[in-house]
PDB file of all heavy atoms in Angstrom:
ATOM      1  N   VAL A   1     204.275-194.154-241.873  1.00  0.00           N
ATOM      2  CA  VAL A   1     205.118-195.007-241.007  1.00  0.00           C
ATOM      3  C   VAL A   1     206.266-194.167-240.486  1.00  0.00           C
ATOM      4  O   VAL A   1     206.868-193.427-241.212  1.00  0.00           O
ATOM      5  CB  VAL A   1     205.640-196.257-241.774  1.00  0.00           C
ATOM      6  CG1 VAL A   1     206.455-195.866-242.973  1.00  0.00           C
ATOM      7  CG2 VAL A   1     206.406-197.193-240.866  1.00  0.00           C
ATOM      8  N   PRO A   2     206.552-194.236-239.170  1.00  0.00           N
ATOM      9  CA  PRO A   2     207.684-193.512-238.617  1.00  0.00           C
ATOM     10  C   PRO A   2     209.023-194.094-239.195  1.00  0.00           C
ATOM     11  O   PRO A   2     209.103-195.310-239.370  1.00  0.00           O
ATOM     12  CB  PRO A   2     207.609-193.784-237.121  1.00  0.00           C
ATOM     13  CG  PRO A   2     206.190-194.201-236.866  1.00  0.00           C
ATOM     14  CD  PRO A   2     205.750-194.895-238.121  1.00  0.00           C
ATOM     15  N   VAL A   3     209.984-193.230-239.437  1.00  0.00           N
ATOM     16  CA  VAL A   3     211.240-193.723-239.990  1.00  0.00           C
ATOM     17  C   VAL A   3     211.913-194.712-239.044  1.00  0.00           C
ATOM     18  O   VAL A   3     212.596-195.645-239.528  1.00  0.00           O
ATOM     19  CB  VAL A   3     212.208-192.560-240.349  1.00  0.00           C
ATOM     20  CG1 VAL A   3     211.675-191.741-241.490  1.00  0.00           C
ATOM     21  CG2 VAL A   3     212.525-191.716-239.146  1.00  0.00           C
ATOM     22  N   GLN A   4     211.718-194.583-237.736  1.00  0.00           N
ATOM     23  CA  GLN A   4     212.324-195.538-236.826  1.00  0.00           C
ATOM     24  C   GLN A   4     211.749-196.932-237.022  1.00  0.00           C
ATOM     25  O   GLN A   4     212.495-197.928-236.905  1.00  0.00           O
ATOM     26  CB  GLN A   4     212.059-195.101-235.363  1.00  0.00           C
ATOM     27  CG  GLN A   4     212.625-193.755-234.983  1.00  0.00           C
ATOM     28  CD  GLN A   4     211.686-192.583-235.288  1.00  0.00           C
ATOM     29  OE1 GLN A   4     210.770-192.682-236.075  1.00  0.00           O
ATOM     30  NE2 GLN A   4     211.941-191.472-234.616  1.00  0.00           N
ATOM     31  N   THR A   5     210.499-197.017-237.362  1.00  0.00           N
ATOM     32  CA  THR A   5     209.868-198.306-237.635  1.00  0.00           C
ATOM     33  C   THR A   5     210.455-198.932-238.894  1.00  0.00           C
ATOM     34  O   THR A   5     210.718-200.111-238.968  1.00  0.00           O
ATOM     35  CB  THR A   5     208.339-198.139-237.780  1.00  0.00           C
ATOM     36  OG1 THR A   5     207.850-197.595-236.555  1.00  0.00           O
ATOM     37  CG2 THR A   5     207.662-199.485-238.041  1.00  0.00           C
ATOM     38  N   VAL A   6     210.696-198.112-239.922  1.00  0.00           N
ATOM     39  CA  VAL A   6     211.301-198.598-241.159  1.00  0.00           C
ATOM     40  C   VAL A   6     212.708-199.099-240.872  1.00  0.00           C
ATOM     41  O   VAL A   6     213.098-200.221-241.329  1.00  0.00           O
ATOM     42  CB  VAL A   6     211.336-197.502-242.235  1.00  0.00           C
ATOM     43  CG1 VAL A   6     212.042-198.030-243.511  1.00  0.00           C
ATOM     44  CG2 VAL A   6     209.921-197.052-242.598  1.00  0.00           C
ATOM     45  N   ALA A   7     213.495-198.388-240.109  1.00  0.00           N
ATOM     46  CA  ALA A   7     214.849-198.797-239.764  1.00  0.00           C
ATOM     47  C   ALA A   7     214.830-200.127-239.001  1.00  0.00           C
ATOM     48  O   ALA A   7     215.634-201.020-239.313  1.00  0.00           O
ATOM     49  CB  ALA A   7     215.541-197.706-238.937  1.00  0.00           C
ATOM     50  N   ARG A   8     213.966-200.264-238.028  1.00  0.00           N
ATOM     51  CA  ARG A   8     213.873-201.519-237.282  1.00  0.00           C
ATOM     52  C   ARG A   8     213.454-202.659-238.191  1.00  0.00           C
ATOM     53  O   ARG A   8     213.976-203.768-238.057  1.00  0.00           O
ATOM     54  CB  ARG A   8     212.896-201.364-236.132  1.00  0.00           C
ATOM     55  CG  ARG A   8     213.480-200.592-234.939  1.00  0.00           C
ATOM     56  CD  ARG A   8     212.651-200.728-233.685  1.00  0.00           C
ATOM     57  NE  ARG A   8     211.269-200.294-233.834  1.00  0.00           N
ATOM     58  CZ  ARG A   8     210.844-199.029-233.595  1.00  0.00           C
ATOM     59  NH1 ARG A   8     211.704-198.109-233.166  1.00  0.00           N
ATOM     60  NH2 ARG A   8     209.596-198.720-233.784  1.00  0.00           N
ATOM     61  N   ALA A   9     212.543-202.417-239.126  1.00  0.00           N
ATOM     62  CA  ALA A   9     212.107-203.454-240.065  1.00  0.00           C
ATOM     63  C   ALA A   9     213.259-203.863-240.992  1.00  0.00           C
ATOM     64  O   ALA A   9     213.412-205.054-241.266  1.00  0.00           O
ATOM     65  CB  ALA A   9     210.920-202.943-240.877  1.00  0.00           C
ATOM     66  N   MET A  10     214.098-202.903-241.389  1.00  0.00           N
ATOM     67  CA  MET A  10     215.208-203.236-242.261  1.00  0.00           C
ATOM     68  C   MET A  10     216.196-204.158-241.545  1.00  0.00           C
ATOM     69  O   MET A  10     216.693-205.125-242.132  1.00  0.00           O
ATOM     70  CB  MET A  10     215.925-201.967-242.721  1.00  0.00           C
ATOM     71  CG  MET A  10     215.085-201.120-243.689  1.00  0.00           C
ATOM     72  SD  MET A  10     215.883-199.582-244.181  1.00  0.00           S
ATOM     73  CE  MET A  10     216.827-200.192-245.610  1.00  0.00           C
ATOM     74  N   VAL A  11     216.452-203.878-240.286  1.00  0.00           N
ATOM     75  CA  VAL A  11     217.372-204.717-239.514  1.00  0.00           C
ATOM     76  C   VAL A  11     216.705-206.075-239.246  1.00  0.00           C
ATOM     77  O   VAL A  11     217.337-207.140-239.413  1.00  0.00           O
ATOM     78  CB  VAL A  11     217.786-204.052-238.191  1.00  0.00           C
ATOM     79  CG1 VAL A  11     218.551-204.990-237.279  1.00  0.00           C
ATOM     80  CG2 VAL A  11     218.621-202.791-238.511  1.00  0.00           C
ATOM     81  N   ALA A  12     215.462-206.059-238.853  1.00  0.00           N
ATOM     82  CA  ALA A  12     214.756-207.321-238.532  1.00  0.00           C
ATOM     83  C   ALA A  12     214.699-208.269-239.747  1.00  0.00           C
ATOM     84  O   ALA A  12     214.817-209.473-239.533  1.00  0.00           O
ATOM     85  CB  ALA A  12     213.337-207.013-238.010  1.00  0.00           C
ATOM     86  N   CYS A  13     214.499-207.733-240.909  1.00  0.00           N
ATOM     87  CA  CYS A  13     214.393-208.638-242.087  1.00  0.00           C
ATOM     88  C   CYS A  13     215.702-209.368-242.356  1.00  0.00           C
ATOM     89  O   CYS A  13     215.707-210.445-242.898  1.00  0.00           O
ATOM     90  CB  CYS A  13     213.931-207.883-243.329  1.00  0.00           C
ATOM     91  SG  CYS A  13     215.188-206.857-244.165  1.00  0.00           S
ATOM     92  N   VAL A  14     216.804-208.799-241.917  1.00  0.00           N
ATOM     93  CA  VAL A  14     218.108-209.442-242.095  1.00  0.00           C
ATOM     94  C   VAL A  14     218.268-210.556-241.063  1.00  0.00           C
ATOM     95  O   VAL A  14     218.936-211.567-241.335  1.00  0.00           O
ATOM     96  CB  VAL A  14     219.229-208.395-241.975  1.00  0.00           C
ATOM     97  CG1 VAL A  14     220.601-209.058-241.938  1.00  0.00           C
ATOM     98  CG2 VAL A  14     219.146-207.410-243.123  1.00  0.00           C
ATOM     99  N   LEU A  15     217.697-210.394-239.897  1.00  0.00           N
ATOM    100  CA  LEU A  15     217.902-211.327-238.790  1.00  0.00           C
ATOM    101  C   LEU A  15     216.962-212.531-238.845  1.00  0.00           C
ATOM    102  O   LEU A  15     217.093-213.449-238.032  1.00  0.00           O
ATOM    103  CB  LEU A  15     217.733-210.573-237.451  1.00  0.00           C
ATOM    104  CG  LEU A  15     218.681-209.418-237.237  1.00  0.00           C
ATOM    105  CD1 LEU A  15     218.355-208.701-235.949  1.00  0.00           C
ATOM    106  CD2 LEU A  15     220.135-209.919-237.240  1.00  0.00           C
ATOM    107  N   GLN A  16     216.044-212.533-239.764  1.00  0.00           N
ATOM    108  CA  GLN A  16     215.120-213.685-239.869  1.00  0.00           C
ATOM    109  C   GLN A  16     215.287-214.352-241.220  1.00  0.00           C
ATOM    110  O   GLN A  16     215.781-213.752-242.154  1.00  0.00           O
ATOM    111  CB  GLN A  16     213.687-213.239-239.657  1.00  0.00           C
ATOM    112  CG  GLN A  16     213.151-212.308-240.705  1.00  0.00           C
ATOM    113  CD  GLN A  16     211.717-211.844-240.362  1.00  0.00           C
ATOM    114  OE1 GLN A  16     211.336-211.815-239.232  1.00  0.00           O
ATOM    115  NE2 GLN A  16     210.978-211.497-241.371  1.00  0.00           N
ATOM    116  N   PRO A  17     214.863-215.608-241.331  1.00  0.00           N
ATOM    117  CA  PRO A  17     214.996-216.312-242.615  1.00  0.00           C
ATOM    118  C   PRO A  17     214.154-215.642-243.674  1.00  0.00           C
ATOM    119  O   PRO A  17     213.120-215.068-243.402  1.00  0.00           O
ATOM    120  CB  PRO A  17     214.431-217.689-242.293  1.00  0.00           C
ATOM    121  CG  PRO A  17     214.385-217.830-240.816  1.00  0.00           C
ATOM    122  CD  PRO A  17     214.304-216.421-240.277  1.00  0.00           C
ATOM    123  N   GLY A  18     214.690-215.659-244.903  1.00  0.00           N
ATOM    124  CA  GLY A  18     213.983-215.049-246.012  1.00  0.00           C
ATOM    125  C   GLY A  18     212.810-215.878-246.508  1.00  0.00           C
ATOM    126  O   GLY A  18     212.707-217.055-246.207  1.00  0.00           O
ATOM    127  N   LYS A  19     211.932-215.231-247.200  1.00  0.00           N
ATOM    128  CA  LYS A  19     210.752-215.866-247.793  1.00  0.00           C
ATOM    129  C   LYS A  19     210.885-215.884-249.297  1.00  0.00           C
ATOM    130  O   LYS A  19     209.970-215.492-250.012  1.00  0.00           O
ATOM    131  CB  LYS A  19     209.482-215.161-247.349  1.00  0.00           C
ATOM    132  CG  LYS A  19     209.250-215.192-245.856  1.00  0.00           C
ATOM    133  CD  LYS A  19     208.048-214.397-245.458  1.00  0.00           C
ATOM    134  CE  LYS A  19     207.891-214.421-243.937  1.00  0.00           C
ATOM    135  NZ  LYS A  19     206.916-213.466-243.462  1.00  0.00           N
ATOM    136  N   GLY A  20     212.058-216.240-249.786  1.00  0.00           N
ATOM    137  CA  GLY A  20     212.297-216.262-251.179  1.00  0.00           C
ATOM    138  C   GLY A  20     213.470-215.364-251.558  1.00  0.00           C
ATOM    139  O   GLY A  20     214.012-214.646-250.726  1.00  0.00           O
ATOM    140  N   LYS A  21     213.856-215.418-252.804  1.00  0.00           N
ATOM    141  CA  LYS A  21     214.994-214.631-253.292  1.00  0.00           C
ATOM    142  C   LYS A  21     214.716-213.154-253.239  1.00  0.00           C
ATOM    143  O   LYS A  21     215.569-212.348-252.876  1.00  0.00           O
ATOM    144  CB  LYS A  21     215.338-215.056-254.709  1.00  0.00           C
ATOM    145  CG  LYS A  21     216.604-214.431-255.260  1.00  0.00           C
ATOM    146  CD  LYS A  21     216.977-215.024-256.588  1.00  0.00           C
ATOM    147  CE  LYS A  21     218.164-214.358-257.175  1.00  0.00           C
ATOM    148  NZ  LYS A  21     219.446-214.787-256.697  1.00  0.00           N
ATOM    149  N   VAL A  22     213.479-212.763-253.570  1.00  0.00           N
ATOM    150  CA  VAL A  22     213.086-211.361-253.520  1.00  0.00           C
ATOM    151  C   VAL A  22     211.826-211.238-252.645  1.00  0.00           C
ATOM    152  O   VAL A  22     210.860-211.994-252.865  1.00  0.00           O
ATOM    153  CB  VAL A  22     212.753-210.774-254.919  1.00  0.00           C
ATOM    154  CG1 VAL A  22     212.246-209.343-254.811  1.00  0.00           C
ATOM    155  CG2 VAL A  22     214.001-210.829-255.798  1.00  0.00           C
ATOM    156  N   GLU A  23     211.879-210.382-251.687  1.00  0.00           N
ATOM    157  CA  GLU A  23     210.713-210.176-250.801  1.00  0.00           C
ATOM    158  C   GLU A  23     210.392-208.688-250.801  1.00  0.00           C
ATOM    159  O   GLU A  23     211.265-207.860-250.659  1.00  0.00           O
ATOM    160  CB  GLU A  23     211.079-210.618-249.380  1.00  0.00           C
ATOM    161  CG  GLU A  23     209.909-210.513-248.412  1.00  0.00           C
ATOM    162  CD  GLU A  23     210.243-211.075-247.029  1.00  0.00           C
ATOM    163  OE1 GLU A  23     211.414-211.318-246.763  1.00  0.00           O
ATOM    164  OE2 GLU A  23     209.289-211.244-246.264  1.00  0.00           O
ATOM    165  N   VAL A  24     209.134-208.381-251.073  1.00  0.00           N
ATOM    166  CA  VAL A  24     208.671-206.996-251.076  1.00  0.00           C
ATOM    167  C   VAL A  24     207.760-206.801-249.874  1.00  0.00           C
ATOM    168  O   VAL A  24     206.761-207.543-249.697  1.00  0.00           O
ATOM    169  CB  VAL A  24     207.907-206.679-252.372  1.00  0.00           C
ATOM    170  CG1 VAL A  24     207.376-205.226-252.342  1.00  0.00           C
ATOM    171  CG2 VAL A  24     208.772-206.887-253.593  1.00  0.00           C
ATOM    172  N   LEU A  25     208.127-205.859-249.024  1.00  0.00           N
ATOM    173  CA  LEU A  25     207.359-205.561-247.805  1.00  0.00           C
ATOM    174  C   LEU A  25     206.611-204.254-247.979  1.00  0.00           C
ATOM    175  O   LEU A  25     207.212-203.201-248.153  1.00  0.00           O
ATOM    176  CB  LEU A  25     208.302-205.455-246.607  1.00  0.00           C
ATOM    177  CG  LEU A  25     209.160-206.711-246.330  1.00  0.00           C
ATOM    178  CD1 LEU A  25     210.129-206.414-245.175  1.00  0.00           C
ATOM    179  CD2 LEU A  25     208.263-207.880-246.001  1.00  0.00           C
ATOM    180  N   GLU A  26     205.283-204.328-247.977  1.00  0.00           N
ATOM    181  CA  GLU A  26     204.438-203.159-248.064  1.00  0.00           C
ATOM    182  C   GLU A  26     204.333-202.539-246.672  1.00  0.00           C
ATOM    183  O   GLU A  26     204.834-203.083-245.694  1.00  0.00           O
ATOM    184  CB  GLU A  26     203.086-203.526-248.663  1.00  0.00           C
ATOM    185  CG  GLU A  26     203.140-204.127-250.049  1.00  0.00           C
ATOM    186  CD  GLU A  26     203.535-203.120-251.156  1.00  0.00           C
ATOM    187  OE1 GLU A  26     203.573-201.888-250.887  1.00  0.00           O
ATOM    188  OE2 GLU A  26     203.804-203.577-252.283  1.00  0.00           O
ATOM    189  N   ASN A  27     203.637-201.406-246.583  1.00  0.00           N
ATOM    190  CA  ASN A  27     203.609-200.589-245.363  1.00  0.00           C
ATOM    191  C   ASN A  27     203.123-201.384-244.136  1.00  0.00           C
ATOM    192  O   ASN A  27     203.741-201.299-243.080  1.00  0.00           O
ATOM    193  CB  ASN A  27     202.713-199.388-245.585  1.00  0.00           C
ATOM    194  CG  ASN A  27     203.050-198.268-244.633  1.00  0.00           C
ATOM    195  OD1 ASN A  27     204.192-197.823-244.589  1.00  0.00           O
ATOM    196  ND2 ASN A  27     202.094-197.823-243.841  1.00  0.00           N
ATOM    197  N   ARG A  28     202.078-202.179-244.262  1.00  0.00           N
ATOM    198  CA  ARG A  28     201.571-202.926-243.119  1.00  0.00           C
ATOM    199  C   ARG A  28     202.618-203.909-242.604  1.00  0.00           C
ATOM    200  O   ARG A  28     202.864-204.030-241.395  1.00  0.00           O
ATOM    201  CB  ARG A  28     200.306-203.705-243.472  1.00  0.00           C
ATOM    202  CG  ARG A  28     199.764-204.543-242.311  1.00  0.00           C
ATOM    203  CD  ARG A  28     198.483-205.249-242.674  1.00  0.00           C
ATOM    204  NE  ARG A  28     197.388-204.346-242.886  1.00  0.00           N
ATOM    205  CZ  ARG A  28     196.577-203.878-241.942  1.00  0.00           C
ATOM    206  NH1 ARG A  28     196.764-204.238-240.700  1.00  0.00           N
ATOM    207  NH2 ARG A  28     195.594-203.041-242.206  1.00  0.00           N
ATOM    208  N   ALA A  29     203.298-204.618-243.539  1.00  0.00           N
ATOM    209  CA  ALA A  29     204.355-205.558-243.160  1.00  0.00           C
ATOM    210  C   ALA A  29     205.524-204.855-242.509  1.00  0.00           C
ATOM    211  O   ALA A  29     206.157-205.392-241.566  1.00  0.00           O
ATOM    212  CB  ALA A  29     204.784-206.374-244.359  1.00  0.00           C
ATOM    213  N   ILE A  30     205.843-203.666-242.971  1.00  0.00           N
ATOM    214  CA  ILE A  30     206.911-202.867-242.374  1.00  0.00           C
ATOM    215  C   ILE A  30     206.561-202.555-240.923  1.00  0.00           C
ATOM    216  O   ILE A  30     207.398-202.683-240.026  1.00  0.00           O
ATOM    217  CB  ILE A  30     207.183-201.590-243.181  1.00  0.00           C
ATOM    218  CG1 ILE A  30     207.743-201.921-244.558  1.00  0.00           C
ATOM    219  CG2 ILE A  30     208.128-200.651-242.433  1.00  0.00           C
ATOM    220  CD1 ILE A  30     207.758-200.767-245.530  1.00  0.00           C
ATOM    221  N   HIS A  31     205.323-202.129-240.691  1.00  0.00           N
ATOM    222  CA  HIS A  31     204.879-201.866-239.324  1.00  0.00           C
ATOM    223  C   HIS A  31     205.018-203.094-238.446  1.00  0.00           C
ATOM    224  O   HIS A  31     205.519-203.010-237.303  1.00  0.00           O
ATOM    225  CB  HIS A  31     203.404-201.389-239.325  1.00  0.00           C
ATOM    226  CG  HIS A  31     203.233-199.929-239.524  1.00  0.00           C
ATOM    227  ND1 HIS A  31     203.285-199.022-238.485  1.00  0.00           N
ATOM    228  CD2 HIS A  31     202.990-199.219-240.634  1.00  0.00           C
ATOM    229  CE1 HIS A  31     203.073-197.812-238.965  1.00  0.00           C
ATOM    230  NE2 HIS A  31     202.913-197.876-240.268  1.00  0.00           N
ATOM    231  N   GLU A  32     204.580-204.244-238.944  1.00  0.00           N
ATOM    232  CA  GLU A  32     204.603-205.466-238.133  1.00  0.00           C
ATOM    233  C   GLU A  32     206.044-205.893-237.838  1.00  0.00           C
ATOM    234  O   GLU A  32     206.388-206.208-236.714  1.00  0.00           O
ATOM    235  CB  GLU A  32     203.860-206.598-238.869  1.00  0.00           C
ATOM    236  CG  GLU A  32     202.372-206.362-238.953  1.00  0.00           C
ATOM    237  CD  GLU A  32     201.655-207.325-239.894  1.00  0.00           C
ATOM    238  OE1 GLU A  32     202.302-208.277-240.395  1.00  0.00           O
ATOM    239  OE2 GLU A  32     200.480-207.107-240.114  1.00  0.00           O
ATOM    240  N   LEU A  33     206.877-205.851-238.871  1.00  0.00           N
ATOM    241  CA  LEU A  33     208.272-206.243-238.705  1.00  0.00           C
ATOM    242  C   LEU A  33     209.049-205.246-237.863  1.00  0.00           C
ATOM    243  O   LEU A  33     209.919-205.600-237.066  1.00  0.00           O
ATOM    244  CB  LEU A  33     208.922-206.394-240.072  1.00  0.00           C
ATOM    245  CG  LEU A  33     210.261-207.144-240.149  1.00  0.00           C
ATOM    246  CD1 LEU A  33     210.185-208.531-239.499  1.00  0.00           C
ATOM    247  CD2 LEU A  33     210.697-207.239-241.593  1.00  0.00           C
ATOM    248  N   GLY A  34     208.698-203.987-237.956  1.00  0.00           N
ATOM    249  CA  GLY A  34     209.364-202.917-237.209  1.00  0.00           C
ATOM    250  C   GLY A  34     209.027-202.927-235.732  1.00  0.00           C
ATOM    251  O   GLY A  34     209.718-202.299-234.953  1.00  0.00           O
ATOM    252  N   LYS A  35     208.020-203.678-235.338  1.00  0.00           N
ATOM    253  CA  LYS A  35     207.677-203.808-233.922  1.00  0.00           C
ATOM    254  C   LYS A  35     208.470-204.931-233.256  1.00  0.00           C
ATOM    255  O   LYS A  35     208.544-205.015-232.073  1.00  0.00           O
ATOM    256  CB  LYS A  35     206.196-204.077-233.768  1.00  0.00           C
ATOM    257  CG  LYS A  35     205.317-202.918-234.099  1.00  0.00           C
ATOM    258  CD  LYS A  35     203.876-203.291-233.953  1.00  0.00           C
ATOM    259  CE  LYS A  35     202.936-202.127-234.376  1.00  0.00           C
ATOM    260  NZ  LYS A  35     201.555-202.493-234.334  1.00  0.00           N
ATOM    261  N   ALA A  36     209.029-205.830-234.102  1.00  0.00           N
ATOM    262  CA  ALA A  36     209.732-207.020-233.603  1.00  0.00           C
ATOM    263  C   ALA A  36     210.986-206.639-232.828  1.00  0.00           C
ATOM    264  O   ALA A  36     211.583-205.622-233.032  1.00  0.00           O
ATOM    265  CB  ALA A  36     210.055-207.946-234.735  1.00  0.00           C
TER     266      ALA A  36
END
């Protein structure tokens, strides 16, 4: 995964509602969220 995609995913996860107290995002989910 490109580091830019990880950075975008980190920001995107903060801007959307959570899916529980702890959420673990694996590589595929990072790619999907990093495109948002």
